[in-house]
Amino acid sequence: SASETTRKERETAALVGRELALMAGVSPEAVLVDR
């Protein structure tokens, strides 16, 4: 269950990074994410 939670957190982190990059007008690689 904890592993599944971790997997979902990773997916959420990736989604957050993409959305923040889109808002900032930069590439996703420019986003610093600390999960």
All heavy atoms as atom14 arrays in JSON, in Angstrom:
{
  "sequence": "SASETTRKERETAALVGRELALMAGVSPEAVLVDR",
  "atom14_mask": [
    [1, 1, 1, 1, 1, 1, 0, 0, 0, 0, 0, 0, 0, 0],
    [1, 1, 1, 1, 1, 0, 0, 0, 0, 0, 0, 0, 0, 0],
    [1, 1, 1, 1, 1, 1, 0, 0, 0, 0, 0, 0, 0, 0],
    [1, 1, 1, 1, 1, 1, 1, 1, 1, 0, 0, 0, 0, 0],
    [1, 1, 1, 1, 1, 1, 1, 0, 0, 0, 0, 0, 0, 0],
    [1, 1, 1, 1, 1, 1, 1, 0, 0, 0, 0, 0, 0, 0],
    [1, 1, 1, 1, 1, 1, 1, 1, 1, 1, 1, 0, 0, 0],
    [1, 1, 1, 1, 1, 1, 1, 1, 1, 0, 0, 0, 0, 0],
    [1, 1, 1, 1, 1, 1, 1, 1, 1, 0, 0, 0, 0, 0],
    [1, 1, 1, 1, 1, 1, 1, 1, 1, 1, 1, 0, 0, 0],
    [1, 1, 1, 1, 1, 1, 1, 1, 1, 0, 0, 0, 0, 0],
    [1, 1, 1, 1, 1, 1, 1, 0, 0, 0, 0, 0, 0, 0],
    [1, 1, 1, 1, 1, 0, 0, 0, 0, 0, 0, 0, 0, 0],
    [1, 1, 1, 1, 1, 0, 0, 0, 0, 0, 0, 0, 0, 0],
    [1, 1, 1, 1, 1, 1, 1, 1, 0, 0, 0, 0, 0, 0],
    [1, 1, 1, 1, 1, 1, 1, 0, 0, 0, 0, 0, 0, 0],
    [1, 1, 1, 1, 0, 0, 0, 0, 0, 0, 0, 0, 0, 0],
    [1, 1, 1, 1, 1, 1, 1, 1, 1, 1, 1, 0, 0, 0],
    [1, 1, 1, 1, 1, 1, 1, 1, 1, 0, 0, 0, 0, 0],
    [1, 1, 1, 1, 1, 1, 1, 1, 0, 0, 0, 0, 0, 0],
    [1, 1, 1, 1, 1, 0, 0, 0, 0, 0, 0, 0, 0, 0],
    [1, 1, 1, 1, 1, 1, 1, 1, 0, 0, 0, 0, 0, 0],
    [1, 1, 1, 1, 1, 1, 1, 1, 0, 0, 0, 0, 0, 0],
    [1, 1, 1, 1, 1, 0, 0, 0, 0, 0, 0, 0, 0, 0],
    [1, 1, 1, 1, 0, 0, 0, 0, 0, 0, 0, 0, 0, 0],
    [1, 1, 1, 1, 1, 1, 1, 0, 0, 0, 0, 0, 0, 0],
    [1, 1, 1, 1, 1, 1, 0, 0, 0, 0, 0, 0, 0, 0],
    [1, 1, 1, 1, 1, 1, 1, 0, 0, 0, 0, 0, 0, 0],
    [1, 1, 1, 1, 1, 1, 1, 1, 1, 0, 0, 0, 0, 0],
    [1, 1, 1, 1, 1, 0, 0, 0, 0, 0, 0, 0, 0, 0],
    [1, 1, 1, 1, 1, 1, 1, 0, 0, 0, 0, 0, 0, 0],
    [1, 1, 1, 1, 1, 1, 1, 1, 0, 0, 0, 0, 0, 0],
    [1, 1, 1, 1, 1, 1, 1, 0, 0, 0, 0, 0, 0, 0],
    [1, 1, 1, 1, 1, 1, 1, 1, 0, 0, 0, 0, 0, 0],
    [1, 1, 1, 1, 1, 1, 1, 1, 1, 1, 1, 0, 0, 0]
  ],
  "atom14_positions": [
    [[0.83, -1.2, 0.0], [0.0, 0.0, 0.0], [0.87, 1.25, 0.0], [0.58, 2.23, -0.71], [-0.93, 0.0, 1.22], [-1.68, 1.19, 1.28], [0.0, 0.0, 0.0], [0.0, 0.0, 0.0], [0.0, 0.0, 0.0], [0.0, 0.0, 0.0], [0.0, 0.0, 0.0], [0.0, 0.0, 0.0], [0.0, 0.0, 0.0], [0.0, 0.0, 0.0]],
    [[1.94, 1.22, 0.78], [2.86, 2.36, 0.82], [3.53, 2.56, -0.53], [3.73, 3.69, -0.98], [3.92, 2.16, 1.91], [0.0, 0.0, 0.0], [0.0, 0.0, 0.0], [0.0, 0.0, 0.0], [0.0, 0.0, 0.0], [0.0, 0.0, 0.0], [0.0, 0.0, 0.0], [0.0, 0.0, 0.0], [0.0, 0.0, 0.0], [0.0, 0.0, 0.0]],
    [[3.87, 1.46, -1.2], [4.49, 1.55, -2.52], [3.54, 2.17, -3.53], [3.93, 2.99, -4.36], [4.93, 0.16, -3.01], [5.86, -0.39, -2.13], [0.0, 0.0, 0.0], [0.0, 0.0, 0.0], [0.0, 0.0, 0.0], [0.0, 0.0, 0.0], [0.0, 0.0, 0.0], [0.0, 0.0, 0.0], [0.0, 0.0, 0.0], [0.0, 0.0, 0.0]],
    [[2.27, 1.77, -3.44], [1.27, 2.35, -4.34], [1.11, 3.84, -4.07], [0.99, 4.65, -5.01], [-0.07, 1.63, -4.16], [-1.2, 2.18, -5.02], [-0.95, 1.98, -6.51], [-0.07, 1.18, -6.86], [-1.64, 2.63, -7.3], [0.0, 0.0, 0.0], [0.0, 0.0, 0.0], [0.0, 0.0, 0.0], [0.0, 0.0, 0.0], [0.0, 0.0, 0.0]],
    [[1.16, 4.21, -2.79], [1.08, 5.63, -2.44], [2.27, 6.39, -3.01], [2.14, 7.49, -3.55], [1.03, 5.8, -0.92], [-0.12, 5.12, -0.41], [0.95, 7.27, -0.55], [0.0, 0.0, 0.0], [0.0, 0.0, 0.0], [0.0, 0.0, 0.0], [0.0, 0.0, 0.0], [0.0, 0.0, 0.0], [0.0, 0.0, 0.0], [0.0, 0.0, 0.0]],
    [[3.46, 5.78, -2.9], [4.67, 6.41, -3.44], [4.57, 6.58, -4.94], [4.96, 7.61, -5.5], [5.91, 5.55, -3.09], [6.02, 5.44, -1.67], [7.17, 6.19, -3.65], [0.0, 0.0, 0.0], [0.0, 0.0, 0.0], [0.0, 0.0, 0.0], [0.0, 0.0, 0.0], [0.0, 0.0, 0.0], [0.0, 0.0, 0.0], [0.0, 0.0, 0.0]],
    [[4.05, 5.56, -5.62], [3.89, 5.66, -7.07], [2.96, 6.8, -7.45], [3.24, 7.59, -8.37], [3.35, 4.34, -7.63], [3.25, 4.3, -9.15], [2.54, 3.05, -9.62], [1.15, 3.01, -9.21], [0.19, 3.69, -9.83], [0.45, 4.43, -10.88], [-1.06, 3.62, -9.39], [0.0, 0.0, 0.0], [0.0, 0.0, 0.0], [0.0, 0.0, 0.0]],
    [[1.85, 6.91, -6.72], [0.91, 7.99, -7.0], [1.54, 9.35, -6.71], [1.29, 10.32, -7.43], [-0.36, 7.8, -6.18], [-1.2, 6.6, -6.62], [-2.46, 6.47, -5.8], [-3.31, 5.29, -6.27], [-4.54, 5.13, -5.45], [0.0, 0.0, 0.0], [0.0, 0.0, 0.0], [0.0, 0.0, 0.0], [0.0, 0.0, 0.0], [0.0, 0.0, 0.0]],
    [[2.36, 9.41, -5.65], [3.03, 10.67, -5.35], [3.99, 11.07, -6.47], [4.12, 12.24, -6.8], [3.79, 10.56, -4.03], [2.89, 10.54, -2.8], [3.68, 10.39, -1.51], [4.9, 10.13, -1.61], [3.08, 10.52, -0.43], [0.0, 0.0, 0.0], [0.0, 0.0, 0.0], [0.0, 0.0, 0.0], [0.0, 0.0, 0.0], [0.0, 0.0, 0.0]],
    [[4.66, 10.09, -7.05], [5.57, 10.38, -8.17], [4.79, 10.92, -9.36], [5.21, 11.88, -10.01], [6.33, 9.11, -8.58], [7.39, 8.68, -7.6], [8.06, 7.42, -8.11], [9.06, 6.94, -7.18], [9.7, 5.79, -7.29], [9.42, 5.0, -8.31], [10.61, 5.43, -6.41], [0.0, 0.0, 0.0], [0.0, 0.0, 0.0], [0.0, 0.0, 0.0]],
    [[3.66, 10.27, -9.66], [2.86, 10.74, -10.78], [2.34, 12.15, -10.51], [2.32, 13.0, -11.42], [1.69, 9.78, -11.01], [2.12, 8.39, -11.49], [0.95, 7.44, -11.62], [-0.17, 7.81, -11.19], [1.15, 6.32, -12.13], [0.0, 0.0, 0.0], [0.0, 0.0, 0.0], [0.0, 0.0, 0.0], [0.0, 0.0, 0.0], [0.0, 0.0, 0.0]],
    [[1.92, 12.41, -9.28], [1.46, 13.75, -8.94], [2.58, 14.76, -9.07], [2.38, 15.88, -9.58], [0.9, 13.76, -7.5], [-0.17, 12.82, -7.39], [0.38, 15.15, -7.14], [0.0, 0.0, 0.0], [0.0, 0.0, 0.0], [0.0, 0.0, 0.0], [0.0, 0.0, 0.0], [0.0, 0.0, 0.0], [0.0, 0.0, 0.0], [0.0, 0.0, 0.0]],
    [[3.79, 14.39, -8.61], [4.93, 15.3, -8.7], [5.24, 15.63, -10.15], [5.53, 16.79, -10.49], [6.15, 14.68, -8.02], [0.0, 0.0, 0.0], [0.0, 0.0, 0.0], [0.0, 0.0, 0.0], [0.0, 0.0, 0.0], [0.0, 0.0, 0.0], [0.0, 0.0, 0.0], [0.0, 0.0, 0.0], [0.0, 0.0, 0.0], [0.0, 0.0, 0.0]],
    [[5.19, 14.61, -11.02], [5.46, 14.85, -12.44], [4.4, 15.76, -13.04], [4.71, 16.67, -13.83], [5.51, 13.52, -13.19], [0.0, 0.0, 0.0], [0.0, 0.0, 0.0], [0.0, 0.0, 0.0], [0.0, 0.0, 0.0], [0.0, 0.0, 0.0], [0.0, 0.0, 0.0], [0.0, 0.0, 0.0], [0.0, 0.0, 0.0], [0.0, 0.0, 0.0]],
    [[3.13, 15.55, -12.66], [2.04, 16.38, -13.17], [2.19, 17.82, -12.69], [2.04, 18.76, -13.48], [0.7, 15.8, -12.73], [-0.55, 16.6, -13.13], [-0.65, 16.68, -14.65], [-1.81, 15.98, -12.54], [0.0, 0.0, 0.0], [0.0, 0.0, 0.0], [0.0, 0.0, 0.0], [0.0, 0.0, 0.0], [0.0, 0.0, 0.0], [0.0, 0.0, 0.0]],
    [[2.52, 17.98, -11.42], [2.72, 19.32, -10.86], [3.85, 20.03, -11.6], [3.75, 21.21, -11.94], [3.01, 19.24, -9.35], [3.52, 20.57, -8.83], [1.75, 18.84, -8.59], [0.0, 0.0, 0.0], [0.0, 0.0, 0.0], [0.0, 0.0, 0.0], [0.0, 0.0, 0.0], [0.0, 0.0, 0.0], [0.0, 0.0, 0.0], [0.0, 0.0, 0.0]],
    [[4.94, 19.31, -11.84], [6.08, 19.9, -12.54], [5.7, 20.37, -13.93], [6.09, 21.46, -14.36], [0.0, 0.0, 0.0], [0.0, 0.0, 0.0], [0.0, 0.0, 0.0], [0.0, 0.0, 0.0], [0.0, 0.0, 0.0], [0.0, 0.0, 0.0], [0.0, 0.0, 0.0], [0.0, 0.0, 0.0], [0.0, 0.0, 0.0], [0.0, 0.0, 0.0]],
    [[4.93, 19.54, -14.66], [4.53, 19.93, -16.01], [3.61, 21.15, -16.0], [3.75, 22.05, -16.83], [3.85, 18.75, -16.71], [4.79, 17.61, -17.07], [4.13, 16.65, -18.06], [2.97, 16.0, -17.49], [2.99, 14.84, -16.85], [4.15, 14.21, -16.68], [1.9, 14.29, -16.38], [0.0, 0.0, 0.0], [0.0, 0.0, 0.0], [0.0, 0.0, 0.0]],
    [[2.67, 21.16, -15.07], [1.73, 22.29, -14.99], [2.47, 23.57, -14.62], [2.2, 24.64, -15.18], [0.63, 21.98, -13.98], [-0.32, 20.87, -14.43], [-1.38, 20.57, -13.38], [-1.22, 21.05, -12.24], [-2.34, 19.86, -13.7], [0.0, 0.0, 0.0], [0.0, 0.0, 0.0], [0.0, 0.0, 0.0], [0.0, 0.0, 0.0], [0.0, 0.0, 0.0]],
    [[3.39, 23.48, -13.66], [4.13, 24.66, -13.25], [5.02, 25.17, -14.39], [5.16, 26.39, -14.59], [4.98, 24.33, -12.02], [5.58, 25.52, -11.25], [4.49, 26.48, -10.82], [6.35, 25.02, -10.03], [0.0, 0.0, 0.0], [0.0, 0.0, 0.0], [0.0, 0.0, 0.0], [0.0, 0.0, 0.0], [0.0, 0.0, 0.0], [0.0, 0.0, 0.0]],
    [[5.62, 24.25, -15.15], [6.44, 24.66, -16.29], [5.6, 25.37, -17.34], [6.03, 26.36, -17.94], [7.13, 23.42, -16.89], [0.0, 0.0, 0.0], [0.0, 0.0, 0.0], [0.0, 0.0, 0.0], [0.0, 0.0, 0.0], [0.0, 0.0, 0.0], [0.0, 0.0, 0.0], [0.0, 0.0, 0.0], [0.0, 0.0, 0.0], [0.0, 0.0, 0.0]],
    [[4.38, 24.85, -17.57], [3.49, 25.48, -18.54], [3.11, 26.89, -18.1], [3.11, 27.83, -18.92], [2.24, 24.61, -18.7], [1.2, 25.09, -19.72], [1.8, 25.11, -21.11], [-0.03, 24.2, -19.68], [0.0, 0.0, 0.0], [0.0, 0.0, 0.0], [0.0, 0.0, 0.0], [0.0, 0.0, 0.0], [0.0, 0.0, 0.0], [0.0, 0.0, 0.0]],
    [[2.83, 27.07, -16.82], [2.49, 28.39, -16.32], [3.66, 29.36, -16.44], [3.48, 30.55, -16.74], [2.08, 28.29, -14.84], [0.76, 27.59, -14.6], [-0.64, 28.62, -15.08], [-2.0, 27.63, -14.47], [0.0, 0.0, 0.0], [0.0, 0.0, 0.0], [0.0, 0.0, 0.0], [0.0, 0.0, 0.0], [0.0, 0.0, 0.0], [0.0, 0.0, 0.0]],
    [[4.88, 28.85, -16.21], [6.06, 29.72, -16.21], [6.62, 29.95, -17.6], [7.5, 30.8, -17.78], [7.14, 29.12, -15.31], [0.0, 0.0, 0.0], [0.0, 0.0, 0.0], [0.0, 0.0, 0.0], [0.0, 0.0, 0.0], [0.0, 0.0, 0.0], [0.0, 0.0, 0.0], [0.0, 0.0, 0.0], [0.0, 0.0, 0.0], [0.0, 0.0, 0.0]],
    [[6.14, 29.19, -18.58], [6.65, 29.36, -19.93], [8.04, 28.78, -20.12], [8.82, 29.28, -20.92], [0.0, 0.0, 0.0], [0.0, 0.0, 0.0], [0.0, 0.0, 0.0], [0.0, 0.0, 0.0], [0.0, 0.0, 0.0], [0.0, 0.0, 0.0], [0.0, 0.0, 0.0], [0.0, 0.0, 0.0], [0.0, 0.0, 0.0], [0.0, 0.0, 0.0]],
    [[8.36, 27.7, -19.38], [9.68, 27.07, -19.47], [9.49, 25.57, -19.72], [8.37, 25.06, -19.7], [10.5, 27.3, -18.18], [10.74, 28.78, -17.95], [9.81, 26.67, -16.96], [0.0, 0.0, 0.0], [0.0, 0.0, 0.0], [0.0, 0.0, 0.0], [0.0, 0.0, 0.0], [0.0, 0.0, 0.0], [0.0, 0.0, 0.0], [0.0, 0.0, 0.0]],
    [[10.59, 24.86, -19.93], [10.52, 23.41, -20.12], [10.37, 22.71, -18.78], [10.79, 23.26, -17.74], [11.78, 22.91, -20.82], [12.91, 23.09, -19.99], [0.0, 0.0, 0.0], [0.0, 0.0, 0.0], [0.0, 0.0, 0.0], [0.0, 0.0, 0.0], [0.0, 0.0, 0.0], [0.0, 0.0, 0.0], [0.0, 0.0, 0.0], [0.0, 0.0, 0.0]],
    [[9.79, 21.5, -18.74], [9.63, 20.78, -17.47], [10.94, 20.52, -16.75], [10.97, 20.41, -15.52], [8.95, 19.46, -17.9], [8.25, 19.8, -19.17], [9.12, 20.81, -19.85], [0.0, 0.0, 0.0], [0.0, 0.0, 0.0], [0.0, 0.0, 0.0], [0.0, 0.0, 0.0], [0.0, 0.0, 0.0], [0.0, 0.0, 0.0], [0.0, 0.0, 0.0]],
    [[12.06, 20.42, -17.49], [13.35, 20.17, -16.86], [13.8, 21.34, -15.99], [14.67, 21.18, -15.13], [14.42, 19.89, -17.92], [14.29, 18.53, -18.6], [13.17, 18.51, -19.62], [12.71, 19.59, -20.03], [12.76, 17.39, -20.02], [0.0, 0.0, 0.0], [0.0, 0.0, 0.0], [0.0, 0.0, 0.0], [0.0, 0.0, 0.0], [0.0, 0.0, 0.0]],
    [[13.23, 22.54, -16.21], [13.62, 23.72, -15.44], [12.93, 23.78, -14.08], [13.25, 24.65, -13.26], [13.32, 24.99, -16.23], [0.0, 0.0, 0.0], [0.0, 0.0, 0.0], [0.0, 0.0, 0.0], [0.0, 0.0, 0.0], [0.0, 0.0, 0.0], [0.0, 0.0, 0.0], [0.0, 0.0, 0.0], [0.0, 0.0, 0.0], [0.0, 0.0, 0.0]],
    [[12.0, 22.88, -13.82], [11.25, 22.89, -12.56], [11.99, 22.05, -11.52], [12.36, 20.91, -11.79], [9.81, 22.35, -12.76], [9.04, 22.38, -11.45], [9.09, 23.17, -13.82], [0.0, 0.0, 0.0], [0.0, 0.0, 0.0], [0.0, 0.0, 0.0], [0.0, 0.0, 0.0], [0.0, 0.0, 0.0], [0.0, 0.0, 0.0], [0.0, 0.0, 0.0]],
    [[12.2, 22.62, -10.34], [12.8, 21.9, -9.22], [11.68, 21.29, -8.39], [10.86, 22.02, -7.84], [13.65, 22.85, -8.37], [14.25, 22.26, -7.09], [15.23, 21.14, -7.42], [14.94, 23.33, -6.26], [0.0, 0.0, 0.0], [0.0, 0.0, 0.0], [0.0, 0.0, 0.0], [0.0, 0.0, 0.0], [0.0, 0.0, 0.0], [0.0, 0.0, 0.0]],
    [[11.65, 19.97, -8.29], [10.6, 19.26, -7.56], [11.24, 18.47, -6.43], [12.12, 17.64, -6.66], [9.79, 18.33, -8.48], [8.73, 17.58, -7.67], [9.14, 19.12, -9.61], [0.0, 0.0, 0.0], [0.0, 0.0, 0.0], [0.0, 0.0, 0.0], [0.0, 0.0, 0.0], [0.0, 0.0, 0.0], [0.0, 0.0, 0.0], [0.0, 0.0, 0.0]],
    [[10.8, 18.73, -5.2], [11.22, 17.96, -4.03], [10.0, 17.21, -3.52], [9.13, 17.78, -2.86], [11.77, 18.89, -2.94], [12.42, 18.13, -1.79], [12.01, 16.98, -1.54], [13.32, 18.68, -1.13], [0.0, 0.0, 0.0], [0.0, 0.0, 0.0], [0.0, 0.0, 0.0], [0.0, 0.0, 0.0], [0.0, 0.0, 0.0], [0.0, 0.0, 0.0]],
    [[9.92, 15.92, -3.89], [8.72, 15.15, -3.56], [8.57, 14.94, -2.07], [7.45, 14.9, -1.55], [8.78, 13.8, -4.29], [7.42, 13.14, -4.4], [7.43, 11.92, -5.27], [7.93, 10.76, -4.57], [9.01, 10.1, -4.91], [9.74, 10.51, -5.94], [9.42, 9.04, -4.24], [0.0, 0.0, 0.0], [0.0, 0.0, 0.0], [0.0, 0.0, 0.0]]
  ]
}
